[in-house]
N, C-alpha and C. Protein backbone atom coordinates (compact mmCIF):
# COMPACT_ATOMS: atom_id res chain seq x y z
N ALA A 1 154.60 51.96 -63.86
CA ALA A 1 155.57 50.68 -62.74
C ALA A 1 154.81 50.66 -61.50
N ASP A 2 154.50 49.84 -61.02
CA ASP A 2 153.95 49.57 -58.85
C ASP A 2 154.59 50.17 -58.02
N ASP A 3 153.92 50.45 -57.32
CA ASP A 3 154.42 52.01 -56.25
C ASP A 3 155.01 52.56 -56.99
N THR A 4 154.95 53.62 -57.49
CA THR A 4 155.65 54.57 -58.29
C THR A 4 155.45 56.07 -57.64
N PHE A 5 153.99 56.50 -57.82
CA PHE A 5 153.60 57.33 -57.13
C PHE A 5 153.46 58.03 -55.69
N ASP A 6 153.83 59.23 -54.82
CA ASP A 6 153.36 59.83 -53.90
C ASP A 6 151.37 60.00 -54.03
N VAL A 7 151.19 60.13 -54.81
CA VAL A 7 149.71 60.97 -54.78
C VAL A 7 149.10 61.18 -56.32
N VAL A 8 147.77 60.84 -56.10
CA VAL A 8 147.40 60.57 -57.47
C VAL A 8 146.37 61.36 -56.99
N SER A 9 145.75 62.29 -57.72
CA SER A 9 144.56 63.71 -57.44
C SER A 9 143.77 63.19 -58.47
N LEU A 10 142.64 63.32 -58.70
CA LEU A 10 141.11 63.33 -59.35
C LEU A 10 140.44 64.51 -58.86
N ALA A 11 140.27 65.29 -60.09
CA ALA A 11 139.45 66.29 -59.97
C ALA A 11 138.18 66.67 -61.00
N PHE A 12 137.18 65.92 -60.75
CA PHE A 12 135.32 66.16 -61.47
C PHE A 12 136.03 65.21 -62.63
N VAL A 13 136.32 64.03 -62.38
CA VAL A 13 136.44 62.72 -63.74
C VAL A 13 135.48 61.65 -63.03
N ILE A 14 135.23 61.41 -61.67
CA ILE A 14 135.01 59.96 -61.39
C ILE A 14 133.10 60.72 -62.28
N HIS A 15 132.41 61.43 -62.23
CA HIS A 15 131.08 61.67 -62.64
C HIS A 15 131.27 61.48 -63.99
N GLU A 16 131.82 61.75 -64.55
CA GLU A 16 132.31 61.58 -66.50
C GLU A 16 132.15 59.59 -66.58
N CYS A 17 132.89 59.06 -65.83
CA CYS A 17 132.82 57.45 -65.91
C CYS A 17 131.94 56.46 -65.73
N PRO A 18 131.68 55.55 -66.49
CA PRO A 18 130.60 54.51 -65.80
C PRO A 18 131.29 53.94 -64.58
N GLU A 19 130.44 52.90 -63.95
CA GLU A 19 131.30 52.50 -62.37
C GLU A 19 131.81 51.38 -62.76
N TYR A 20 131.74 50.61 -64.13
CA TYR A 20 133.30 49.81 -63.85
C TYR A 20 134.32 50.39 -63.93
N ALA A 21 134.56 51.74 -64.69
CA ALA A 21 135.27 52.29 -65.16
C ALA A 21 135.90 52.99 -63.95
N THR A 22 135.32 53.32 -63.01
CA THR A 22 135.40 54.25 -61.74
C THR A 22 136.17 53.15 -60.75
N ALA A 23 135.54 51.76 -60.55
CA ALA A 23 136.37 50.88 -60.31
C ALA A 23 137.86 50.60 -60.45
N ASN A 24 137.86 50.30 -61.77
CA ASN A 24 139.11 49.78 -62.27
C ASN A 24 140.14 51.05 -61.67
N LEU A 25 139.59 52.37 -62.07
CA LEU A 25 140.46 53.44 -62.23
C LEU A 25 140.96 53.23 -60.51
N MET A 26 139.90 53.27 -59.57
CA MET A 26 140.51 52.99 -58.17
C MET A 26 141.52 52.09 -57.76
N LYS A 27 141.41 50.83 -58.55
CA LYS A 27 142.36 49.72 -58.57
C LYS A 27 143.71 50.32 -58.79
N GLU A 28 143.33 50.86 -60.43
CA GLU A 28 144.68 51.44 -60.65
C GLU A 28 145.76 52.42 -60.25
N ALA A 29 144.47 53.39 -59.67
CA ALA A 29 145.12 54.48 -58.39
C ALA A 29 146.05 53.67 -57.51
N TYR A 30 145.84 52.51 -56.72
CA TYR A 30 145.76 51.77 -56.00
C TYR A 30 147.27 51.13 -55.82
N ARG A 31 147.57 50.33 -57.09
CA ARG A 31 148.15 49.72 -57.62
C ARG A 31 149.55 50.80 -57.91
N ILE A 32 149.26 52.19 -58.60
CA ILE A 32 150.33 52.71 -58.66
C ILE A 32 151.43 53.57 -57.59
N LEU A 33 150.18 53.64 -56.09
CA LEU A 33 150.69 54.58 -55.12
C LEU A 33 151.62 54.33 -54.30
N LYS A 34 153.03 54.44 -53.89
CA LYS A 34 153.49 53.89 -52.98
C LYS A 34 152.96 53.44 -52.19
N PRO A 35 153.87 52.63 -51.07
CA PRO A 35 152.76 52.35 -50.16
C PRO A 35 152.90 53.66 -48.95
N GLY A 36 151.83 53.81 -48.50
CA GLY A 36 151.20 55.63 -47.85
C GLY A 36 151.52 56.24 -48.69
N GLY A 37 150.83 56.04 -50.13
CA GLY A 37 151.11 57.21 -50.49
C GLY A 37 149.41 57.51 -50.47
N THR A 38 149.05 58.71 -51.02
CA THR A 38 148.25 59.34 -51.19
C THR A 38 146.84 59.63 -52.46
N PHE A 39 145.69 59.52 -52.31
CA PHE A 39 144.65 59.10 -53.33
C PHE A 39 143.89 60.42 -52.98
N VAL A 40 143.17 60.99 -53.66
CA VAL A 40 142.59 62.37 -53.42
C VAL A 40 141.61 62.75 -54.83
N MET A 41 140.55 62.85 -54.58
CA MET A 41 139.38 63.06 -55.35
C MET A 41 138.85 64.20 -54.72
N THR A 42 138.39 65.62 -55.88
CA THR A 42 136.85 66.22 -55.34
C THR A 42 136.01 65.95 -56.62
N ASP A 43 135.03 65.74 -56.53
CA ASP A 43 133.84 65.38 -57.76
C ASP A 43 132.27 66.42 -56.94
N ASN A 44 130.95 66.27 -57.58
CA ASN A 44 129.87 66.47 -57.31
C ASN A 44 129.57 65.52 -55.99
N ASN A 45 128.68 66.62 -54.86
CA ASN A 45 128.52 65.23 -53.69
C ASN A 45 126.99 65.30 -54.22
N PRO A 46 126.94 64.04 -54.55
CA PRO A 46 125.38 63.68 -54.17
C PRO A 46 124.79 63.80 -53.33
N ALA A 47 125.33 63.54 -52.31
CA ALA A 47 124.35 64.32 -50.43
C ALA A 47 124.59 65.50 -50.22
N SER A 48 124.53 66.43 -51.17
CA SER A 48 124.94 67.78 -50.89
C SER A 48 123.09 68.41 -51.14
N PRO A 49 122.65 69.61 -49.94
CA PRO A 49 121.35 70.05 -50.21
C PRO A 49 121.40 70.70 -51.34
N VAL A 50 122.43 71.74 -51.54
CA VAL A 50 122.07 72.04 -53.34
C VAL A 50 121.90 70.90 -54.02
N ILE A 51 122.62 70.04 -54.14
CA ILE A 51 122.15 68.97 -55.48
C ILE A 51 120.65 68.14 -55.33
N GLN A 52 120.55 68.50 -53.74
CA GLN A 52 119.37 67.51 -53.59
C GLN A 52 118.11 67.97 -53.72
N LYS A 53 118.44 69.53 -53.78
CA LYS A 53 117.18 70.42 -54.35
C LYS A 53 117.11 71.82 -55.42
N LEU A 54 117.72 70.85 -56.41
CA LEU A 54 118.21 70.65 -57.69
C LEU A 54 116.27 70.81 -58.32
N PRO A 55 115.44 72.07 -59.28
CA PRO A 55 114.01 71.53 -59.52
C PRO A 55 114.36 70.59 -60.52
N PRO A 56 113.79 69.37 -60.43
CA PRO A 56 113.90 68.52 -62.10
C PRO A 56 113.78 68.50 -63.54
N ALA A 57 113.63 69.73 -63.37
CA ALA A 57 114.06 69.77 -64.84
C ALA A 57 115.57 70.69 -64.75
N LEU A 58 115.83 71.05 -64.04
CA LEU A 58 117.55 71.32 -64.02
C LEU A 58 118.59 70.44 -63.80
N PHE A 59 118.12 69.07 -63.11
CA PHE A 59 118.88 67.98 -62.97
C PHE A 59 118.58 66.90 -64.13
N THR A 60 117.57 67.33 -65.10
CA THR A 60 117.37 66.13 -66.12
C THR A 60 118.44 66.89 -67.18
N LEU A 61 118.36 68.40 -67.23
CA LEU A 61 119.32 69.11 -68.11
C LEU A 61 120.85 68.82 -67.89
N MET A 62 121.11 69.06 -66.17
CA MET A 62 122.61 68.55 -66.38
C MET A 62 122.75 67.25 -66.55
N LYS A 63 122.03 66.11 -66.31
CA LYS A 63 121.94 64.71 -66.33
C LYS A 63 122.57 64.61 -67.78
N SER A 64 121.88 64.97 -68.70
CA SER A 64 121.34 65.26 -70.43
C SER A 64 122.82 65.07 -70.75
N THR A 65 123.79 65.82 -70.25
CA THR A 65 125.37 66.44 -70.87
C THR A 65 126.02 65.31 -70.31
N GLU A 66 125.77 64.35 -68.89
CA GLU A 66 126.41 63.89 -68.50
C GLU A 66 126.20 62.24 -68.39
N PRO A 67 125.97 61.77 -69.38
CA PRO A 67 126.10 60.35 -69.54
C PRO A 67 126.29 59.27 -68.39
N HIS A 68 126.63 59.53 -67.77
CA HIS A 68 127.30 58.59 -66.56
C HIS A 68 126.59 59.31 -64.76
N SER A 69 126.05 60.34 -64.85
CA SER A 69 125.85 60.78 -63.92
C SER A 69 124.81 59.92 -63.05
N ASN A 70 123.55 59.54 -63.56
CA ASN A 70 123.12 58.28 -62.90
C ASN A 70 123.87 56.95 -61.99
N GLU A 71 124.86 56.78 -62.65
CA GLU A 71 125.64 56.14 -61.85
C GLU A 71 126.36 56.58 -60.86
N TYR A 72 126.79 57.35 -61.52
CA TYR A 72 127.81 58.23 -60.58
C TYR A 72 126.93 58.81 -58.59
N TYR A 73 125.77 59.08 -58.67
CA TYR A 73 124.78 59.72 -58.27
C TYR A 73 124.61 58.12 -57.02
N THR A 74 124.84 57.22 -57.29
CA THR A 74 123.89 56.05 -56.67
C THR A 74 125.41 55.15 -56.26
N ILE A 75 126.52 55.24 -56.70
CA ILE A 75 127.75 54.70 -56.03
C ILE A 75 128.25 54.85 -54.96
N ASP A 76 129.10 54.34 -54.15
CA ASP A 76 129.13 54.66 -52.98
C ASP A 76 131.15 55.12 -53.01
N VAL A 77 131.43 56.17 -53.23
CA VAL A 77 132.52 55.79 -53.77
C VAL A 77 133.76 55.98 -52.45
N GLN A 78 133.59 55.89 -51.14
CA GLN A 78 134.23 55.77 -50.16
C GLN A 78 134.23 54.27 -50.28
N GLN A 79 133.10 53.29 -50.38
CA GLN A 79 133.12 51.73 -50.30
C GLN A 79 134.28 51.20 -51.48
N MET A 80 133.98 51.92 -53.05
CA MET A 80 134.59 51.27 -54.16
C MET A 80 136.60 51.55 -53.20
N LEU A 81 136.53 52.37 -52.90
CA LEU A 81 137.96 52.60 -52.40
C LEU A 81 138.29 51.99 -51.36
N ARG A 82 137.48 51.73 -50.54
CA ARG A 82 137.86 50.59 -49.60
C ARG A 82 138.28 49.27 -50.38
N ALA A 83 137.19 48.83 -51.48
CA ALA A 83 137.46 47.61 -52.15
C ALA A 83 138.46 47.17 -53.14
N ALA A 84 138.94 48.66 -53.07
CA ALA A 84 139.76 48.66 -53.94
C ALA A 84 141.40 48.23 -53.51
N GLY A 85 141.40 48.69 -51.99
CA GLY A 85 142.77 48.64 -51.23
C GLY A 85 143.23 49.77 -50.14
N PHE A 86 142.08 50.42 -50.22
CA PHE A 86 142.55 51.88 -49.62
C PHE A 86 142.16 51.80 -48.28
N GLU A 87 142.91 51.98 -47.06
CA GLU A 87 141.84 52.23 -45.65
C GLU A 87 141.98 54.08 -45.35
N ASN A 88 141.50 53.61 -44.16
CA ASN A 88 141.17 55.28 -43.54
C ASN A 88 140.91 55.96 -44.79
N VAL A 89 139.65 55.66 -45.14
CA VAL A 89 139.09 56.56 -46.21
C VAL A 89 137.91 57.82 -45.50
N CYS A 90 138.30 58.57 -46.22
CA CYS A 90 137.39 59.35 -45.44
C CYS A 90 136.66 60.65 -46.39
N GLN A 91 136.22 61.87 -46.03
CA GLN A 91 135.45 62.74 -46.92
C GLN A 91 135.01 64.02 -46.33
N GLU A 92 135.42 65.10 -46.85
CA GLU A 92 134.89 66.15 -46.33
C GLU A 92 133.90 67.21 -47.67
N GLN A 93 132.86 67.61 -47.65
CA GLN A 93 132.18 68.66 -48.28
C GLN A 93 133.26 69.87 -48.24
N THR A 94 133.48 70.42 -49.43
CA THR A 94 134.60 71.25 -49.75
C THR A 94 134.00 72.68 -50.33
N ASP A 95 132.49 72.36 -50.55
CA ASP A 95 132.20 73.45 -50.92
C ASP A 95 130.42 73.26 -50.99
N PRO A 96 129.53 73.86 -51.23
CA PRO A 96 128.26 73.37 -51.25
C PRO A 96 127.94 72.08 -51.98
N ARG A 97 128.42 72.54 -53.50
CA ARG A 97 127.94 71.13 -53.84
C ARG A 97 128.73 70.57 -54.17
N HIS A 98 130.43 70.40 -53.82
CA HIS A 98 131.33 69.19 -54.07
C HIS A 98 132.12 68.85 -52.51
N ARG A 99 132.58 67.21 -52.95
CA ARG A 99 133.40 66.73 -51.69
C ARG A 99 134.68 66.40 -52.49
N THR A 100 135.22 66.05 -51.10
CA THR A 100 137.01 65.37 -51.59
C THR A 100 137.09 64.38 -50.89
N VAL A 101 137.19 63.42 -51.48
CA VAL A 101 137.48 62.09 -50.77
C VAL A 101 138.69 61.62 -50.56
N CYS A 102 139.80 61.07 -49.44
CA CYS A 102 141.17 60.76 -49.64
C CYS A 102 140.75 59.68 -48.68
């Protein structure tokens, strides 16, 4: 139902999804959150120096087990959240490889 939950939390989900599913997931999260509710996701950070410096062979191996990685590493998650209706979108680097977007 609409406006039902106080929090929607995703951990390491978005990089597993094709871009269209990510956009739909964010729209659905916005729909089910109560006004003033919180969305938070933690996932790989494409801008992380650790990920940026991965040797090409290792990065290729990593992507071979993650079929939607290429899409994930090129989408603007913050912009997708804004397009879904979220305001005051922020991002923090959680650790050397990951980010939290809220």
